[in-house]
Amino acid sequence: MKRKGQGERADLYARITDMIVADLEKGVRPWMKPWSAANTTGRITRPLRHNGEAYSGLNVLLLWSESTARGYVSPTWMTFKQALQLDGAVRKGETGTTVIYASRFTKSETDSNGGEVERDIPFLKSYTVFNVAQIDGLPDHYHGVPEPLLSPIERIGHADEFFRNTGAVIRHGGNQAYYSPAMDYIQMPPFEAFRDAAGYAAVLSHEATHWTAAEHRVGRDLSRYAKDRTERAREELIAELGSCFLCADLGIAPELEPRPDHASYLQSWLSVLANDKRAIFQAAAHAQRAVNYLHGLQPRADACATREAV
């Protein structure tokens, strides 16, 4: 018999996975919603906590999706208690949004030989947050006009510098974009082949996420990528999410239309998610680790990178 905590955790996996599957079944990649939503008016950022810290991992997708569905303009969210501490009050009748917290604790156990061993036990819990649009009485700066975005030219320059700082070998030529694990380089079509500089940076962010998989980086196993469709679909999902997270950090729109070589993954993702309710959680966690690694290669650790990966 499952313990209560295990049952609640399984239900949380299932509920969130079912929500994402429902979008995919309509042909909608839910992690792309914010960029096509009218309420964002081009201001794409990660969701933020009350203290300005960015959410990460699966929580980014959950809060992006909710902001799009409800038309929230502000990226800032907080708990009921945090609102009270700021002299704010969630309006009567407002419903919150579920976010998750994943971590682990160490437990001492006795092994078969009578010795004491330490065992890491992962746990997952959920809590509820509200967008600042649902809260009255907050300090004025929570409702202020967001700072102006960098100009498109400045954003592209920033992105170019970001990828240059990673030290990745990036080759140009041909008509395909891919990462070669055997040779450890990223292949990109010529810059002129892209519709604009942002399109180039968006594709490069996808391939850079693949690039992080090497053993001496974050260490994702790509040995079965070419042989196993399921493993390939999992890795492509990680790269899609990593690209979206990184594009949000760089202020660049990701690939709104899937590349021809990626469009076929839709059914594969549906199959993966149907057979493994934890797959989207794991993909988001891997994507977050990849993006954190890329941020960590910058001369000064980027404030957008966070340590949480859920």
C-alpha atoms as a PDB file:
ATOM      1  CA  MET A   1       0.000   0.000   0.000  1.00  0.00           C
ATOM      2  CA  LYS A   2       1.337   3.429  -0.932  1.00  0.00           C
ATOM      3  CA  ARG A   3       1.886   5.941   1.780  1.00  0.00           C
ATOM      4  CA  LYS A   4      -0.212   9.085   1.634  1.00  0.00           C
ATOM      5  CA  GLY A   5       2.730  11.223   0.540  1.00  0.00           C
ATOM      6  CA  GLN A   6       3.506   8.915  -2.352  1.00  0.00           C
ATOM      7  CA  GLY A   7      -0.117   9.022  -3.520  1.00  0.00           C
ATOM      8  CA  GLU A   8      -0.238  12.809  -3.390  1.00  0.00           C
ATOM      9  CA  ARG A   9       3.034  13.034  -5.288  1.00  0.00           C
ATOM     10  CA  ALA A  10       1.816  10.652  -7.990  1.00  0.00           C
ATOM     11  CA  ASP A  11      -1.392  12.662  -8.322  1.00  0.00           C
ATOM     12  CA  LEU A  12       0.618  15.878  -8.738  1.00  0.00           C
ATOM     13  CA  TYR A  13       2.736  14.305 -11.475  1.00  0.00           C
ATOM     14  CA  ALA A  14      -0.398  13.109 -13.249  1.00  0.00           C
ATOM     15  CA  ARG A  15      -2.327  16.391 -12.990  1.00  0.00           C
ATOM     16  CA  ILE A  16       0.479  18.538 -14.350  1.00  0.00           C
ATOM     17  CA  THR A  17       1.361  16.048 -17.081  1.00  0.00           C
ATOM     18  CA  ASP A  18      -2.278  15.790 -18.165  1.00  0.00           C
ATOM     19  CA  MET A  19      -2.475  19.579 -18.450  1.00  0.00           C
ATOM     20  CA  ILE A  20       0.574  19.682 -20.738  1.00  0.00           C
ATOM     21  CA  VAL A  21      -0.644  16.696 -22.769  1.00  0.00           C
ATOM     22  CA  ALA A  22      -3.973  18.446 -23.377  1.00  0.00           C
ATOM     23  CA  ASP A  23      -2.123  21.315 -25.072  1.00  0.00           C
ATOM     24  CA  LEU A  24       0.123  19.011 -27.083  1.00  0.00           C
ATOM     25  CA  GLU A  25      -2.896  17.079 -28.338  1.00  0.00           C
ATOM     26  CA  LYS A  26      -4.152  20.351 -29.819  1.00  0.00           C
ATOM     27  CA  GLY A  27      -0.816  20.828 -31.567  1.00  0.00           C
ATOM     28  CA  VAL A  28       0.190  23.563 -29.104  1.00  0.00           C
ATOM     29  CA  ARG A  29       3.595  23.511 -27.427  1.00  0.00           C
ATOM     30  CA  PRO A  30       2.611  25.033 -24.057  1.00  0.00           C
ATOM     31  CA  TRP A  31       6.101  26.427 -23.415  1.00  0.00           C
ATOM     32  CA  MET A  32       5.627  28.668 -26.504  1.00  0.00           C
ATOM     33  CA  LYS A  33       2.382  30.282 -25.365  1.00  0.00           C
ATOM     34  CA  PRO A  34       3.813  33.452 -23.805  1.00  0.00           C
ATOM     35  CA  TRP A  35       5.460  34.617 -27.004  1.00  0.00           C
ATOM     36  CA  SER A  36       2.188  34.569 -28.928  1.00  0.00           C
ATOM     37  CA  ALA A  37       0.055  36.103 -26.175  1.00  0.00           C
ATOM     38  CA  ALA A  38      -1.229  39.638 -26.756  1.00  0.00           C
ATOM     39  CA  ASN A  39      -0.959  40.594 -23.067  1.00  0.00           C
ATOM     40  CA  THR A  40       2.833  40.303 -23.075  1.00  0.00           C
ATOM     41  CA  THR A  41       3.325  43.048 -25.687  1.00  0.00           C
ATOM     42  CA  GLY A  42       6.766  41.667 -26.397  1.00  0.00           C
ATOM     43  CA  ARG A  43       7.941  41.669 -22.777  1.00  0.00           C
ATOM     44  CA  ILE A  44       8.952  38.082 -22.132  1.00  0.00           C
ATOM     45  CA  THR A  45      10.663  37.193 -18.902  1.00  0.00           C
ATOM     46  CA  ARG A  46      10.719  34.306 -16.529  1.00  0.00           C
ATOM     47  CA  PRO A  47       8.064  34.382 -13.805  1.00  0.00           C
ATOM     48  CA  LEU A  48       9.416  36.113 -10.705  1.00  0.00           C
ATOM     49  CA  ARG A  49       8.981  35.580  -6.982  1.00  0.00           C
ATOM     50  CA  HIS A  50       7.978  38.435  -4.692  1.00  0.00           C
ATOM     51  CA  ASN A  51      11.655  39.222  -4.080  1.00  0.00           C
ATOM     52  CA  GLY A  52      12.513  39.429  -7.788  1.00  0.00           C
ATOM     53  CA  GLU A  53      14.156  35.990  -7.940  1.00  0.00           C
ATOM     54  CA  ALA A  54      13.287  34.067 -11.090  1.00  0.00           C
ATOM     55  CA  TYR A  55      11.388  30.796 -10.985  1.00  0.00           C
ATOM     56  CA  SER A  56      12.988  27.877 -12.775  1.00  0.00           C
ATOM     57  CA  GLY A  57      12.305  24.441 -14.165  1.00  0.00           C
ATOM     58  CA  LEU A  58       8.736  23.279 -14.527  1.00  0.00           C
ATOM     59  CA  ASN A  59       7.410  26.239 -12.524  1.00  0.00           C
ATOM     60  CA  VAL A  60       8.335  28.489 -15.448  1.00  0.00           C
ATOM     61  CA  LEU A  61       5.986  26.524 -17.713  1.00  0.00           C
ATOM     62  CA  LEU A  62       3.199  26.396 -15.144  1.00  0.00           C
ATOM     63  CA  LEU A  63       3.236  30.140 -14.485  1.00  0.00           C
ATOM     64  CA  TRP A  64       3.724  31.110 -18.124  1.00  0.00           C
ATOM     65  CA  SER A  65       0.699  29.003 -19.013  1.00  0.00           C
ATOM     66  CA  GLU A  66      -1.434  30.545 -16.275  1.00  0.00           C
ATOM     67  CA  SER A  67      -0.390  34.095 -17.185  1.00  0.00           C
ATOM     68  CA  THR A  68      -1.370  33.477 -20.791  1.00  0.00           C
ATOM     69  CA  ALA A  69      -4.707  31.899 -19.878  1.00  0.00           C
ATOM     70  CA  ARG A  70      -5.669  34.725 -17.506  1.00  0.00           C
ATOM     71  CA  GLY A  71      -4.045  37.627 -19.343  1.00  0.00           C
ATOM     72  CA  TYR A  72      -1.668  38.661 -16.573  1.00  0.00           C
ATOM     73  CA  VAL A  73       0.880  41.269 -17.603  1.00  0.00           C
ATOM     74  CA  SER A  74       3.065  41.223 -14.489  1.00  0.00           C
ATOM     75  CA  PRO A  75       5.542  38.328 -14.136  1.00  0.00           C
ATOM     76  CA  THR A  76       5.495  38.526 -10.316  1.00  0.00           C
ATOM     77  CA  TRP A  77       3.845  35.932  -8.062  1.00  0.00           C
ATOM     78  CA  MET A  78       3.663  35.385  -4.314  1.00  0.00           C
ATOM     79  CA  THR A  79       1.958  33.247  -1.681  1.00  0.00           C
ATOM     80  CA  PHE A  80      -1.023  34.398   0.393  1.00  0.00           C
ATOM     81  CA  LYS A  81       1.260  34.810   3.419  1.00  0.00           C
ATOM     82  CA  GLN A  82       3.865  36.794   1.488  1.00  0.00           C
ATOM     83  CA  ALA A  83       1.151  39.175   0.310  1.00  0.00           C
ATOM     84  CA  LEU A  84       0.063  39.749   3.915  1.00  0.00           C
ATOM     85  CA  GLN A  85       3.647  40.424   4.972  1.00  0.00           C
ATOM     86  CA  LEU A  86       3.751  43.164   2.321  1.00  0.00           C
ATOM     87  CA  ASP A  87       0.465  44.651   3.628  1.00  0.00           C
ATOM     88  CA  GLY A  88      -1.358  43.256   0.622  1.00  0.00           C
ATOM     89  CA  ALA A  89      -4.476  41.099   0.469  1.00  0.00           C
ATOM     90  CA  VAL A  90      -5.564  38.578  -2.120  1.00  0.00           C
ATOM     91  CA  ARG A  91      -8.970  39.660  -3.385  1.00  0.00           C
ATOM     92  CA  LYS A  92     -11.934  37.553  -2.325  1.00  0.00           C
ATOM     93  CA  GLY A  93     -12.852  34.939  -4.906  1.00  0.00           C
ATOM     94  CA  GLU A  94      -9.425  34.818  -6.557  1.00  0.00           C
ATOM     95  CA  THR A  95      -8.020  31.358  -7.233  1.00  0.00           C
ATOM     96  CA  GLY A  96      -4.343  30.631  -6.964  1.00  0.00           C
ATOM     97  CA  THR A  97      -1.936  28.696  -9.161  1.00  0.00           C
ATOM     98  CA  THR A  98      -0.099  25.544  -8.149  1.00  0.00           C
ATOM     99  CA  VAL A  99       3.683  25.551  -8.246  1.00  0.00           C
ATOM    100  CA  ILE A 100       6.008  22.840  -7.033  1.00  0.00           C
ATOM    101  CA  TYR A 101       9.069  22.478  -4.859  1.00  0.00           C
ATOM    102  CA  ALA A 102      11.412  19.538  -5.281  1.00  0.00           C
ATOM    103  CA  SER A 103      14.259  18.690  -2.965  1.00  0.00           C
ATOM    104  CA  ARG A 104      15.701  15.797  -0.999  1.00  0.00           C
ATOM    105  CA  PHE A 105      16.628  14.939   2.557  1.00  0.00           C
ATOM    106  CA  THR A 106      19.097  12.461   4.020  1.00  0.00           C
ATOM    107  CA  LYS A 107      17.920   9.609   6.204  1.00  0.00           C
ATOM    108  CA  SER A 108      20.085   7.222   8.223  1.00  0.00           C
ATOM    109  CA  GLU A 109      19.214   3.553   7.819  1.00  0.00           C
ATOM    110  CA  THR A 110      20.648   0.224   8.903  1.00  0.00           C
ATOM    111  CA  ASP A 111      21.847  -2.034   6.089  1.00  0.00           C
ATOM    112  CA  SER A 112      21.763  -5.835   5.972  1.00  0.00           C
ATOM    113  CA  ASN A 113      25.126  -6.018   7.712  1.00  0.00           C
ATOM    114  CA  GLY A 114      23.976  -3.895  10.615  1.00  0.00           C
ATOM    115  CA  GLY A 115      25.912  -0.852   9.479  1.00  0.00           C
ATOM    116  CA  GLU A 116      24.508   2.638   9.223  1.00  0.00           C
ATOM    117  CA  VAL A 117      24.085   4.124   5.753  1.00  0.00           C
ATOM    118  CA  GLU A 118      22.874   7.502   4.575  1.00  0.00           C
ATOM    119  CA  ARG A 119      20.111   7.452   1.961  1.00  0.00           C
ATOM    120  CA  ASP A 120      18.980  10.425  -0.132  1.00  0.00           C
ATOM    121  CA  ILE A 121      15.197  10.594  -0.297  1.00  0.00           C
ATOM    122  CA  PRO A 122      13.668  12.932  -2.911  1.00  0.00           C
ATOM    123  CA  PHE A 123      10.411  14.680  -2.173  1.00  0.00           C
ATOM    124  CA  LEU A 124       8.003  16.874  -4.083  1.00  0.00           C
ATOM    125  CA  LYS A 125       5.414  19.217  -2.656  1.00  0.00           C
ATOM    126  CA  SER A 126       3.104  21.822  -4.078  1.00  0.00           C
ATOM    127  CA  TYR A 127       2.001  25.223  -2.882  1.00  0.00           C
ATOM    128  CA  THR A 128      -0.202  28.024  -4.182  1.00  0.00           C
ATOM    129  CA  VAL A 129       0.803  31.434  -5.490  1.00  0.00           C
ATOM    130  CA  PHE A 130      -1.092  34.445  -6.785  1.00  0.00           C
ATOM    131  CA  ASN A 131      -0.168  36.950  -9.460  1.00  0.00           C
ATOM    132  CA  VAL A 132       0.170  40.535  -8.243  1.00  0.00           C
ATOM    133  CA  ALA A 133      -2.835  41.367 -10.439  1.00  0.00           C
ATOM    134  CA  GLN A 134      -4.920  39.362  -7.927  1.00  0.00           C
ATOM    135  CA  ILE A 135      -3.655  41.277  -4.899  1.00  0.00           C
ATOM    136  CA  ASP A 136      -4.675  44.670  -3.495  1.00  0.00           C
ATOM    137  CA  GLY A 137      -2.562  46.931  -1.306  1.00  0.00           C
ATOM    138  CA  LEU A 138       0.910  45.945  -2.456  1.00  0.00           C
ATOM    139  CA  PRO A 139       3.683  48.559  -2.553  1.00  0.00           C
ATOM    140  CA  ASP A 140       3.595  50.640  -5.737  1.00  0.00           C
ATOM    141  CA  HIS A 141       6.707  49.125  -7.277  1.00  0.00           C
ATOM    142  CA  TYR A 142       4.894  45.803  -7.767  1.00  0.00           C
ATOM    143  CA  HIS A 143       2.554  47.566 -10.179  1.00  0.00           C
ATOM    144  CA  GLY A 144       5.098  49.861 -11.782  1.00  0.00           C
ATOM    145  CA  VAL A 145       5.914  50.060 -15.469  1.00  0.00           C
ATOM    146  CA  PRO A 146       8.605  47.508 -16.300  1.00  0.00           C
ATOM    147  CA  GLU A 147      12.019  48.795 -17.242  1.00  0.00           C
ATOM    148  CA  PRO A 148      12.505  49.308 -20.985  1.00  0.00           C
ATOM    149  CA  LEU A 149      13.889  46.344 -22.852  1.00  0.00           C
ATOM    150  CA  LEU A 150      17.236  46.569 -24.529  1.00  0.00           C
ATOM    151  CA  SER A 151      16.971  47.505 -28.178  1.00  0.00           C
ATOM    152  CA  PRO A 152      16.939  44.567 -30.634  1.00  0.00           C
ATOM    153  CA  ILE A 153      20.521  45.365 -31.624  1.00  0.00           C
ATOM    154  CA  GLU A 154      21.662  45.438 -27.984  1.00  0.00           C
ATOM    155  CA  ARG A 155      19.862  42.151 -27.270  1.00  0.00           C
ATOM    156  CA  ILE A 156      21.508  40.389 -30.210  1.00  0.00           C
ATOM    157  CA  GLY A 157      24.901  41.754 -29.210  1.00  0.00           C
ATOM    158  CA  HIS A 158      24.325  40.457 -25.687  1.00  0.00           C
ATOM    159  CA  ALA A 159      23.323  37.036 -27.056  1.00  0.00           C
ATOM    160  CA  ASP A 160      26.392  36.865 -29.309  1.00  0.00           C
ATOM    161  CA  GLU A 161      28.628  37.626 -26.351  1.00  0.00           C
ATOM    162  CA  PHE A 162      26.796  35.059 -24.217  1.00  0.00           C
ATOM    163  CA  PHE A 163      27.405  32.207 -26.678  1.00  0.00           C
ATOM    164  CA  ARG A 164      30.984  33.322 -27.310  1.00  0.00           C
ATOM    165  CA  ASN A 165      31.668  33.140 -23.564  1.00  0.00           C
ATOM    166  CA  THR A 166      30.587  29.496 -23.423  1.00  0.00           C
ATOM    167  CA  GLY A 167      33.655  28.483 -25.405  1.00  0.00           C
ATOM    168  CA  ALA A 168      31.586  26.124 -27.574  1.00  0.00           C
ATOM    169  CA  VAL A 169      33.014  25.349 -31.007  1.00  0.00           C
ATOM    170  CA  ILE A 170      30.402  26.665 -33.464  1.00  0.00           C
ATOM    171  CA  ARG A 171      30.856  25.823 -37.141  1.00  0.00           C
ATOM    172  CA  HIS A 172      28.869  27.308 -40.004  1.00  0.00           C
ATOM    173  CA  GLY A 173      27.815  25.806 -43.315  1.00  0.00           C
ATOM    174  CA  GLY A 174      25.242  23.538 -44.879  1.00  0.00           C
ATOM    175  CA  ASN A 175      21.533  23.643 -44.180  1.00  0.00           C
ATOM    176  CA  GLN A 176      21.275  21.811 -40.850  1.00  0.00           C
ATOM    177  CA  ALA A 177      21.637  22.811 -37.221  1.00  0.00           C
ATOM    178  CA  TYR A 178      22.841  20.111 -34.837  1.00  0.00           C
ATOM    179  CA  TYR A 179      25.260  19.208 -32.068  1.00  0.00           C
ATOM    180  CA  SER A 180      27.823  16.473 -32.740  1.00  0.00           C
ATOM    181  CA  PRO A 181      28.515  14.583 -29.473  1.00  0.00           C
ATOM    182  CA  ALA A 182      31.356  12.582 -31.073  1.00  0.00           C
ATOM    183  CA  MET A 183      33.242  15.680 -32.261  1.00  0.00           C
ATOM    184  CA  ASP A 184      31.853  18.053 -29.620  1.00  0.00           C
ATOM    185  CA  TYR A 185      30.905  20.940 -31.870  1.00  0.00           C
ATOM    186  CA  ILE A 186      27.734  22.797 -32.841  1.00  0.00           C
ATOM    187  CA  GLN A 187      26.908  23.011 -36.535  1.00  0.00           C
ATOM    188  CA  MET A 188      24.837  25.979 -37.714  1.00  0.00           C
ATOM    189  CA  PRO A 189      23.700  27.064 -41.190  1.00  0.00           C
ATOM    190  CA  PRO A 190      25.224  30.357 -42.367  1.00  0.00           C
ATOM    191  CA  PHE A 191      23.934  33.394 -40.500  1.00  0.00           C
ATOM    192  CA  GLU A 192      22.402  34.679 -43.754  1.00  0.00           C
ATOM    193  CA  ALA A 193      20.160  31.593 -43.953  1.00  0.00           C
ATOM    194  CA  PHE A 194      18.063  32.795 -41.012  1.00  0.00           C
ATOM    195  CA  ARG A 195      15.168  35.234 -41.299  1.00  0.00           C
ATOM    196  CA  ASP A 196      16.833  37.526 -38.763  1.00  0.00           C
ATOM    197  CA  ALA A 197      19.464  37.650 -36.036  1.00  0.00           C
ATOM    198  CA  ALA A 198      16.945  36.649 -33.364  1.00  0.00           C
ATOM    199  CA  GLY A 199      16.082  33.504 -35.343  1.00  0.00           C
ATOM    200  CA  TYR A 200      19.754  32.579 -35.470  1.00  0.00           C
ATOM    201  CA  ALA A 201      20.184  33.090 -31.717  1.00  0.00           C
ATOM    202  CA  ALA A 202      17.029  31.085 -30.966  1.00  0.00           C
ATOM    203  CA  VAL A 203      18.272  28.057 -32.922  1.00  0.00           C
ATOM    204  CA  LEU A 204      21.731  28.377 -31.402  1.00  0.00           C
ATOM    205  CA  SER A 205      20.216  28.363 -27.896  1.00  0.00           C
ATOM    206  CA  HIS A 206      18.590  25.005 -28.720  1.00  0.00           C
ATOM    207  CA  GLU A 207      21.852  23.491 -29.932  1.00  0.00           C
ATOM    208  CA  ALA A 208      23.766  24.990 -27.001  1.00  0.00           C
ATOM    209  CA  THR A 209      21.421  23.115 -24.661  1.00  0.00           C
ATOM    210  CA  HIS A 210      22.365  19.874 -26.450  1.00  0.00           C
ATOM    211  CA  TRP A 211      26.044  20.909 -26.140  1.00  0.00           C
ATOM    212  CA  THR A 212      25.815  20.928 -22.337  1.00  0.00           C
ATOM    213  CA  ALA A 213      25.134  17.163 -22.340  1.00  0.00           C
ATOM    214  CA  ALA A 214      28.819  16.211 -22.598  1.00  0.00           C
ATOM    215  CA  GLU A 215      30.141  14.219 -19.641  1.00  0.00           C
ATOM    216  CA  HIS A 216      32.528  16.999 -18.586  1.00  0.00           C
ATOM    217  CA  ARG A 217      29.646  19.498 -18.561  1.00  0.00           C
ATOM    218  CA  VAL A 218      26.289  18.485 -17.044  1.00  0.00           C
ATOM    219  CA  GLY A 219      26.586  14.857 -18.125  1.00  0.00           C
ATOM    220  CA  ARG A 220      23.370  13.789 -19.895  1.00  0.00           C
ATOM    221  CA  ASP A 221      23.732  10.428 -21.644  1.00  0.00           C
ATOM    222  CA  LEU A 222      23.299  10.830 -25.411  1.00  0.00           C
ATOM    223  CA  SER A 223      24.627   7.374 -26.317  1.00  0.00           C
ATOM    224  CA  ARG A 224      21.179   6.152 -27.390  1.00  0.00           C
ATOM    225  CA  TYR A 225      20.078   9.370 -29.104  1.00  0.00           C
ATOM    226  CA  ALA A 226      20.598   8.038 -32.651  1.00  0.00           C
ATOM    227  CA  LYS A 227      19.240   4.556 -31.928  1.00  0.00           C
ATOM    228  CA  ASP A 228      16.218   5.048 -29.679  1.00  0.00           C
ATOM    229  CA  ARG A 229      13.318   7.282 -30.739  1.00  0.00           C
ATOM    230  CA  THR A 230      12.116   7.656 -27.161  1.00  0.00           C
ATOM    231  CA  GLU A 231      15.521   8.777 -25.907  1.00  0.00           C
ATOM    232  CA  ARG A 232      15.801  11.155 -28.850  1.00  0.00           C
ATOM    233  CA  ALA A 233      12.379  12.621 -28.066  1.00  0.00           C
ATOM    234  CA  ARG A 234      13.363  13.119 -24.412  1.00  0.00           C
ATOM    235  CA  GLU A 235      16.559  14.944 -25.350  1.00  0.00           C
ATOM    236  CA  GLU A 236      14.768  17.132 -27.897  1.00  0.00           C
ATOM    237  CA  LEU A 237      12.207  18.074 -25.259  1.00  0.00           C
ATOM    238  CA  ILE A 238      15.043  19.079 -22.926  1.00  0.00           C
ATOM    239  CA  ALA A 239      16.599  21.196 -25.690  1.00  0.00           C
ATOM    240  CA  GLU A 240      13.253  22.872 -26.509  1.00  0.00           C
ATOM    241  CA  LEU A 241      12.665  23.803 -22.879  1.00  0.00           C
ATOM    242  CA  GLY A 242      16.268  24.887 -22.410  1.00  0.00           C
ATOM    243  CA  SER A 243      15.999  27.104 -25.475  1.00  0.00           C
ATOM    244  CA  CYS A 244      12.830  28.745 -24.130  1.00  0.00           C
ATOM    245  CA  PHE A 245      14.357  29.387 -20.709  1.00  0.00           C
ATOM    246  CA  LEU A 246      17.515  30.821 -22.236  1.00  0.00           C
ATOM    247  CA  CYS A 247      15.655  32.935 -24.790  1.00  0.00           C
ATOM    248  CA  ALA A 248      13.590  34.454 -21.975  1.00  0.00           C
ATOM    249  CA  ASP A 249      16.805  35.285 -20.113  1.00  0.00           C
ATOM    250  CA  LEU A 250      18.327  36.868 -23.229  1.00  0.00           C
ATOM    251  CA  GLY A 251      15.155  38.713 -24.265  1.00  0.00           C
ATOM    252  CA  ILE A 252      14.899  36.872 -27.581  1.00  0.00           C
ATOM    253  CA  ALA A 253      11.883  35.053 -28.995  1.00  0.00           C
ATOM    254  CA  PRO A 254      12.453  31.302 -29.438  1.00  0.00           C
ATOM    255  CA  GLU A 255      11.504  29.226 -32.481  1.00  0.00           C
ATOM    256  CA  LEU A 256       7.757  29.876 -32.597  1.00  0.00           C
ATOM    257  CA  GLU A 257       7.346  27.537 -35.545  1.00  0.00           C
ATOM    258  CA  PRO A 258       9.018  24.159 -35.061  1.00  0.00           C
ATOM    259  CA  ARG A 259      11.824  23.370 -37.452  1.00  0.00           C
ATOM    260  CA  PRO A 260      10.947  20.708 -40.047  1.00  0.00           C
ATOM    261  CA  ASP A 261      13.291  18.262 -38.340  1.00  0.00           C
ATOM    262  CA  HIS A 262      11.605  18.880 -34.982  1.00  0.00           C
ATOM    263  CA  ALA A 263       7.915  18.979 -35.923  1.00  0.00           C
ATOM    264  CA  SER A 264       7.748  15.180 -35.943  1.00  0.00           C
ATOM    265  CA  TYR A 265       8.581  15.032 -32.246  1.00  0.00           C
ATOM    266  CA  LEU A 266       5.068  16.049 -31.199  1.00  0.00           C
ATOM    267  CA  GLN A 267       3.679  12.505 -31.297  1.00  0.00           C
ATOM    268  CA  SER A 268       6.842  11.172 -29.687  1.00  0.00           C
ATOM    269  CA  TRP A 269       6.458  13.599 -26.792  1.00  0.00           C
ATOM    270  CA  LEU A 270       2.831  12.574 -26.342  1.00  0.00           C
ATOM    271  CA  SER A 271       3.912   8.945 -26.214  1.00  0.00           C
ATOM    272  CA  VAL A 272       6.685   9.673 -23.709  1.00  0.00           C
ATOM    273  CA  LEU A 273       4.398  11.691 -21.426  1.00  0.00           C
ATOM    274  CA  ALA A 274       1.626   9.088 -21.619  1.00  0.00           C
ATOM    275  CA  ASN A 275       4.009   6.365 -20.482  1.00  0.00           C
ATOM    276  CA  ASP A 276       5.921   8.346 -17.881  1.00  0.00           C
ATOM    277  CA  LYS A 277       4.156  10.923 -15.737  1.00  0.00           C
ATOM    278  CA  ARG A 278       7.485  12.197 -14.446  1.00  0.00           C
ATOM    279  CA  ALA A 279       8.983  12.828 -17.891  1.00  0.00           C
ATOM    280  CA  ILE A 280       8.047  16.519 -18.145  1.00  0.00           C
ATOM    281  CA  PHE A 281       9.368  17.147 -14.615  1.00  0.00           C
ATOM    282  CA  GLN A 282      12.652  15.456 -15.480  1.00  0.00           C
ATOM    283  CA  ALA A 283      12.952  17.267 -18.818  1.00  0.00           C
ATOM    284  CA  ALA A 284      12.383  20.659 -17.183  1.00  0.00           C
ATOM    285  CA  ALA A 285      14.943  19.857 -14.482  1.00  0.00           C
ATOM    286  CA  HIS A 286      17.549  18.797 -17.058  1.00  0.00           C
ATOM    287  CA  ALA A 287      16.814  21.918 -19.132  1.00  0.00           C
ATOM    288  CA  GLN A 288      17.267  24.129 -16.085  1.00  0.00           C
ATOM    289  CA  ARG A 289      20.590  22.504 -15.216  1.00  0.00           C
ATOM    290  CA  ALA A 290      21.752  23.033 -18.793  1.00  0.00           C
ATOM    291  CA  VAL A 291      20.826  26.723 -18.747  1.00  0.00           C
ATOM    292  CA  ASN A 292      22.393  27.194 -15.324  1.00  0.00           C
ATOM    293  CA  TYR A 293      25.596  25.687 -16.690  1.00  0.00           C
ATOM    294  CA  LEU A 294      25.606  28.089 -19.661  1.00  0.00           C
ATOM    295  CA  HIS A 295      25.037  31.048 -17.339  1.00  0.00           C
ATOM    296  CA  GLY A 296      27.857  29.785 -15.126  1.00  0.00           C
ATOM    297  CA  LEU A 297      30.303  30.083 -18.032  1.00  0.00           C
ATOM    298  CA  GLN A 298      29.787  33.825 -18.238  1.00  0.00           C
ATOM    299  CA  PRO A 299      32.476  36.093 -16.733  1.00  0.00           C
ATOM    300  CA  ARG A 300      30.076  37.026 -13.942  1.00  0.00           C
ATOM    301  CA  ALA A 301      27.389  34.563 -12.875  1.00  0.00           C
ATOM    302  CA  ASP A 302      24.152  35.724 -14.452  1.00  0.00           C
ATOM    303  CA  ALA A 303      21.440  36.695 -11.980  1.00  0.00           C
ATOM    304  CA  CYS A 304      18.842  34.996 -14.169  1.00  0.00           C
ATOM    305  CA  ALA A 305      20.295  31.561 -13.463  1.00  0.00           C
ATOM    306  CA  THR A 306      18.892  29.944 -10.344  1.00  0.00           C
ATOM    307  CA  ARG A 307      19.818  26.849  -8.445  1.00  0.00           C
ATOM    308  CA  GLU A 308      16.329  25.399  -8.256  1.00  0.00           C
ATOM    309  CA  ALA A 309      15.638  22.749 -10.876  1.00  0.00           C
ATOM    310  CA  VAL A 310      12.219  21.166 -10.510  1.00  0.00           C
END
